[in-house]
Amino acid sequence: MPDGQKRQYVNWMNEDGVAKVTLNNGPLNLLNSGVVADLSECADEIRGDSSVGAVVVSGAGERAFSAGGDITEFPKVLKGKDAKQFWRQNRFPMEKFAALPQPTIAAINGLAYGGGAELTLVCDLRVASETAKFCLPEIKIGLFPDGGGTQRLPRLVGASRAKEMMFLGEPISAEEAFRIGLVDRIVPAGQALPVALALARRLANMPAAALRFIKRAVDEGSGMDLQAGLRLEGALFDEVFETADAQEGIGAFLEKRVPQFKGY
């Protein structure tokens, strides 16, 4: 489905090189099966659009970014034969957004609970309203986060703090999320999306090839020991040095002019 056409639950549009992705399953933007399917399609389309330089994900309204999975769907799944496939399908869009080569930003208004919190974790940066709250409450229904929360949250805030959040399943404020490194910026109520879009526009005007290499070096290197990570960094630097953007950037610096990056 081309950019600009409407789905039921999730849509995106290209605004000057920024893919603006909006969850619209009010009032809490729950991640039901339809939302999950729409997110997956959006991620595929954004990956295929070479004009997209950055991505912003937000929830419609001020009440919630997303309050997580739609628990009303769970009883049917638990009684069915395809429960494992259902949970795997729920993880697909998370991993697709995590794997996008462009920088991704979550604009968090209101609640980011359960799978909604995990969707923010797959983004590279998180801008939160001062009224935002974060929670991984799965323990309270006998489950645990299965959208990458047990792996991504400790890498951001440390194992002990992540375990506490998942063991207790209690919400934390935007201020606390910022203090522990879960959030990158706190902004006044109603400003999460405008600030995230402004940041995304700045990134979309950066040399896209270098951004892709930075993201790959950090994401892949974080799972390696230091020496392997340094080798990866060196190999990727060899590649980025050969890009047209690197040649343009170096030339513009030496010639004291503004570079005209092409994205490759």
Protein backbone atom coordinates (compact mmCIF):
# COMPACT_ATOMS: atom_id res chain seq x y z
CA MET A 1 0.00 0.00 0.00
CA PRO A 2 1.58 3.29 -1.03
CA ASP A 3 2.39 6.03 1.45
CA GLY A 4 -0.68 8.12 2.20
CA GLN A 5 -3.34 5.40 1.72
CA LYS A 6 -5.31 4.37 4.79
CA ARG A 7 -5.22 1.19 6.80
CA GLN A 8 -7.57 0.50 9.69
CA TYR A 9 -5.09 0.75 12.54
CA VAL A 10 -1.64 1.99 11.52
CA ASN A 11 -0.66 4.41 8.78
CA TRP A 12 2.44 6.24 7.70
CA MET A 13 3.25 9.16 5.48
CA ASN A 14 6.46 10.60 4.13
CA GLU A 15 6.90 14.19 5.31
CA ASP A 16 10.03 15.65 3.71
CA GLY A 17 12.02 12.44 4.10
CA VAL A 18 10.61 11.49 7.51
CA ALA A 19 8.30 8.49 7.77
CA LYS A 20 5.62 9.48 10.29
CA VAL A 21 4.04 6.25 11.60
CA THR A 22 0.85 6.56 13.66
CA LEU A 23 -0.90 3.88 15.71
CA ASN A 24 -4.63 4.63 15.66
CA ASN A 25 -6.55 2.09 17.73
CA GLY A 26 -8.06 4.43 20.29
CA PRO A 27 -8.34 5.15 23.03
CA LEU A 28 -5.31 3.11 24.17
CA ASN A 29 -3.80 2.06 20.83
CA LEU A 30 -3.80 -1.58 21.91
CA LEU A 31 -1.66 -3.93 19.85
CA ASN A 32 -4.33 -6.26 18.57
CA SER A 33 -3.73 -8.61 15.66
CA GLY A 34 -4.82 -5.96 13.18
CA VAL A 35 -2.37 -3.39 14.56
CA VAL A 36 0.42 -5.96 14.44
CA ALA A 37 -0.33 -6.79 10.80
CA ASP A 38 -0.47 -3.10 9.85
CA LEU A 39 2.82 -2.36 11.65
CA SER A 40 4.50 -5.18 9.78
CA GLU A 41 3.31 -3.86 6.41
CA CYS A 42 4.37 -0.32 7.26
CA ALA A 43 7.87 -1.47 8.19
CA ASP A 44 8.20 -3.30 4.85
CA GLU A 45 7.07 -0.23 2.90
CA ILE A 46 9.38 2.14 4.76
CA ARG A 47 12.34 -0.17 4.17
CA GLY A 48 11.55 -0.10 0.47
CA ASP A 49 11.32 3.70 0.24
CA SER A 50 14.80 5.10 -0.45
CA SER A 51 13.57 8.65 0.13
CA VAL A 52 12.97 7.99 3.85
CA GLY A 53 15.86 9.27 5.96
CA ALA A 54 14.37 8.85 9.44
CA VAL A 55 11.30 7.35 11.10
CA VAL A 56 9.02 8.58 13.91
CA VAL A 57 6.52 6.24 15.59
CA SER A 58 3.70 7.68 17.71
CA GLY A 59 0.25 6.85 19.05
CA ALA A 60 -2.83 8.85 18.15
CA GLY A 61 -4.19 11.00 20.97
CA GLU A 62 -2.60 12.02 24.25
CA ARG A 63 -3.76 9.14 26.43
CA ALA A 64 -1.40 6.43 25.20
CA PHE A 65 1.46 5.69 22.86
CA SER A 66 0.24 2.12 23.27
CA ALA A 67 -1.03 0.36 26.38
CA GLY A 68 0.20 -2.99 25.07
CA GLY A 69 -1.41 -6.15 23.77
CA ASP A 70 -5.16 -6.65 23.54
CA ILE A 71 -5.71 -9.19 26.32
CA THR A 72 -9.23 -9.92 25.07
CA GLU A 73 -7.58 -11.85 22.22
CA PHE A 74 -5.57 -14.06 24.58
CA PRO A 75 -8.23 -16.63 25.65
CA LYS A 76 -8.89 -17.63 22.06
CA VAL A 77 -5.17 -17.99 21.43
CA LEU A 78 -4.59 -20.05 24.59
CA LYS A 79 -7.28 -22.52 23.51
CA GLY A 80 -6.11 -22.72 19.91
CA LYS A 81 -3.53 -24.84 18.19
CA ASP A 82 -1.57 -21.94 16.77
CA ALA A 83 -0.58 -20.12 19.97
CA LYS A 84 3.14 -20.28 19.22
CA GLN A 85 2.59 -18.86 15.75
CA PHE A 86 0.47 -16.06 17.22
CA TRP A 87 3.22 -14.97 19.60
CA ARG A 88 5.83 -15.18 16.84
CA GLN A 89 3.69 -12.99 14.58
CA ASN A 90 3.41 -10.42 17.37
CA ARG A 91 7.21 -10.19 17.44
CA PHE A 92 7.63 -9.78 13.66
CA PRO A 93 6.89 -6.03 13.44
CA MET A 94 9.11 -5.32 16.46
CA GLU A 95 12.06 -6.95 14.75
CA LYS A 96 11.24 -5.32 11.42
CA PHE A 97 11.33 -1.86 12.97
CA ALA A 98 14.51 -2.72 14.86
CA ALA A 99 16.13 -3.78 11.60
CA LEU A 100 15.25 -0.64 9.62
CA PRO A 101 18.48 0.97 8.41
CA GLN A 102 17.20 4.49 9.10
CA PRO A 103 17.28 6.09 12.56
CA THR A 104 13.98 5.52 14.36
CA ILE A 105 12.44 7.69 17.08
CA ALA A 106 9.53 6.87 19.40
CA ALA A 107 7.37 9.90 20.29
CA ILE A 108 5.76 8.79 23.54
CA ASN A 109 2.60 10.44 24.76
CA GLY A 110 0.82 8.94 27.76
CA LEU A 111 1.07 5.23 28.48
CA ALA A 112 3.72 2.93 27.03
CA TYR A 113 2.81 -0.40 28.61
CA GLY A 114 3.68 -3.98 27.74
CA GLY A 115 4.13 -4.39 24.01
CA GLY A 116 3.83 -0.62 23.65
CA ALA A 117 6.88 -0.15 25.86
CA GLU A 118 8.67 -2.84 23.84
CA LEU A 119 7.87 -0.99 20.61
CA THR A 120 9.64 2.07 22.02
CA LEU A 121 12.62 -0.13 22.89
CA VAL A 122 13.17 -1.18 19.27
CA CYS A 123 13.53 2.48 18.31
CA ASP A 124 16.94 4.12 18.37
CA LEU A 125 15.80 7.17 20.34
CA ARG A 126 12.87 7.94 22.66
CA VAL A 127 11.27 11.35 23.18
CA ALA A 128 8.70 11.31 25.99
CA SER A 129 6.06 13.71 27.19
CA GLU A 130 6.42 14.63 30.86
CA THR A 131 3.11 12.82 31.41
CA ALA A 132 4.31 9.54 29.88
CA LYS A 133 4.45 6.36 31.94
CA PHE A 134 6.33 3.15 31.21
CA CYS A 135 5.45 -0.32 32.44
CA LEU A 136 6.06 -3.99 31.67
CA PRO A 137 3.10 -5.50 33.58
CA GLU A 138 3.05 -8.99 32.05
CA ILE A 139 4.01 -10.62 35.37
CA LYS A 140 0.59 -9.67 36.72
CA ILE A 141 -1.14 -12.08 34.34
CA GLY A 142 1.47 -14.82 34.69
CA LEU A 143 3.49 -13.92 31.61
CA PHE A 144 6.66 -11.98 30.81
CA PRO A 145 7.64 -9.56 28.02
CA ASP A 146 8.02 -11.42 24.74
CA GLY A 147 8.56 -8.55 22.30
CA GLY A 148 12.24 -8.18 23.11
CA GLY A 149 11.77 -6.58 26.53
CA THR A 150 13.88 -9.09 28.45
CA GLN A 151 16.78 -8.46 26.06
CA ARG A 152 16.56 -4.79 25.07
CA LEU A 153 15.58 -3.23 28.39
CA PRO A 154 18.65 -4.55 30.29
CA ARG A 155 20.91 -3.23 27.54
CA LEU A 156 19.47 0.24 28.11
CA VAL A 157 19.04 0.46 31.88
CA GLY A 158 21.11 -2.41 33.29
CA ALA A 159 20.08 -5.91 34.33
CA SER A 160 19.09 -5.14 37.92
CA ARG A 161 16.80 -2.20 37.10
CA ALA A 162 15.25 -4.09 34.18
CA LYS A 163 14.54 -7.11 36.39
CA GLU A 164 12.91 -4.89 39.00
CA MET A 165 10.59 -3.40 36.39
CA MET A 166 9.65 -6.82 35.03
CA PHE A 167 9.47 -8.58 38.43
CA LEU A 168 7.10 -6.00 39.92
CA GLY A 169 5.24 -4.85 36.82
CA GLU A 170 4.77 -1.36 38.24
CA PRO A 171 4.76 1.84 36.12
CA ILE A 172 7.52 4.42 36.25
CA SER A 173 7.28 8.10 35.36
CA ALA A 174 8.91 9.84 32.42
CA GLU A 175 11.29 11.51 34.85
CA GLU A 176 12.39 8.16 36.28
CA ALA A 177 12.65 6.70 32.78
CA PHE A 178 14.97 9.56 31.84
CA ARG A 179 17.04 9.10 35.00
CA ILE A 180 17.74 5.43 34.28
CA GLY A 181 18.43 5.93 30.57
CA LEU A 182 15.20 4.54 29.16
CA VAL A 183 14.25 7.93 27.66
CA ASP A 184 16.54 10.34 25.81
CA ARG A 185 14.48 13.52 26.10
CA ILE A 186 11.54 14.72 28.22
CA VAL A 187 9.34 17.46 26.77
CA PRO A 188 6.18 19.29 27.91
CA ALA A 189 2.83 17.56 27.50
CA GLY A 190 1.72 17.53 23.87
CA GLN A 191 5.22 18.18 22.51
CA ALA A 192 6.60 14.64 22.11
CA LEU A 193 5.58 14.32 18.46
CA PRO A 194 6.65 17.83 17.31
CA VAL A 195 10.03 17.47 19.03
CA ALA A 196 10.54 13.96 17.63
CA LEU A 197 9.67 15.13 14.12
CA ALA A 198 12.06 18.07 14.36
CA LEU A 199 14.83 15.72 15.48
CA ALA A 200 13.96 13.29 12.68
CA ARG A 201 14.16 16.06 10.08
CA ARG A 202 17.65 16.90 11.30
CA LEU A 203 18.65 13.26 10.95
CA ALA A 204 17.04 12.97 7.51
CA ASN A 205 19.36 15.75 6.33
CA MET A 206 22.46 13.98 7.60
CA PRO A 207 24.52 11.74 5.27
CA ALA A 208 22.30 8.68 5.15
CA ALA A 209 25.08 6.19 4.41
CA ALA A 210 27.03 7.21 7.51
CA LEU A 211 23.88 6.99 9.65
CA ARG A 212 23.25 3.47 8.41
CA PHE A 213 26.81 2.42 9.21
CA ILE A 214 26.67 3.96 12.69
CA LYS A 215 23.43 2.13 13.46
CA ARG A 216 24.80 -1.16 12.17
CA ALA A 217 28.09 -0.80 14.05
CA VAL A 218 26.33 -0.09 17.34
CA ASP A 219 23.54 -2.66 16.98
CA GLU A 220 25.72 -5.53 15.76
CA GLY A 221 28.72 -4.59 17.87
CA SER A 222 26.73 -4.58 21.11
CA GLY A 223 26.44 -8.36 20.87
CA MET A 224 30.19 -8.86 20.37
CA ASP A 225 33.23 -8.69 22.59
CA LEU A 226 35.26 -5.50 22.31
CA GLN A 227 37.86 -6.79 19.86
CA ALA A 228 35.24 -8.24 17.51
CA GLY A 229 33.28 -5.00 17.74
CA LEU A 230 36.39 -3.00 16.84
CA ARG A 231 37.01 -5.22 13.84
CA LEU A 232 33.42 -4.63 12.72
CA GLU A 233 33.88 -0.90 13.17
CA GLY A 234 37.04 -0.96 11.05
CA ALA A 235 35.40 -2.97 8.29
CA LEU A 236 32.40 -0.65 8.16
CA PHE A 237 34.65 2.42 8.17
CA ASP A 238 36.44 1.05 5.13
CA GLU A 239 33.05 0.88 3.41
CA VAL A 240 31.78 4.29 4.48
CA PHE A 241 35.02 5.93 3.36
CA GLU A 242 34.25 4.80 -0.19
CA THR A 243 30.76 6.35 -0.27
CA ALA A 244 29.91 9.41 -2.35
CA ASP A 245 28.73 11.18 0.79
CA ALA A 246 32.12 10.75 2.47
CA GLN A 247 33.91 12.13 -0.57
CA GLU A 248 31.48 15.04 -0.72
CA GLY A 249 31.77 15.75 2.99
CA ILE A 250 35.57 15.77 2.98
CA GLY A 251 35.67 17.86 -0.19
CA ALA A 252 33.19 20.39 1.19
CA PHE A 253 35.17 20.72 4.42
CA LEU A 254 38.42 21.39 2.56
CA GLU A 255 36.73 23.80 0.17
CA LYS A 256 34.88 25.58 3.01
CA ARG A 257 31.43 25.07 1.52
CA VAL A 258 28.18 23.39 2.59
CA PRO A 259 28.14 19.69 1.62
CA GLN A 260 25.43 18.36 -0.68
CA PHE A 261 24.88 14.81 0.49
CA LYS A 262 23.23 12.28 -1.82
CA GLY A 263 22.52 9.46 0.63
CA TYR A 264 24.95 6.92 -0.83
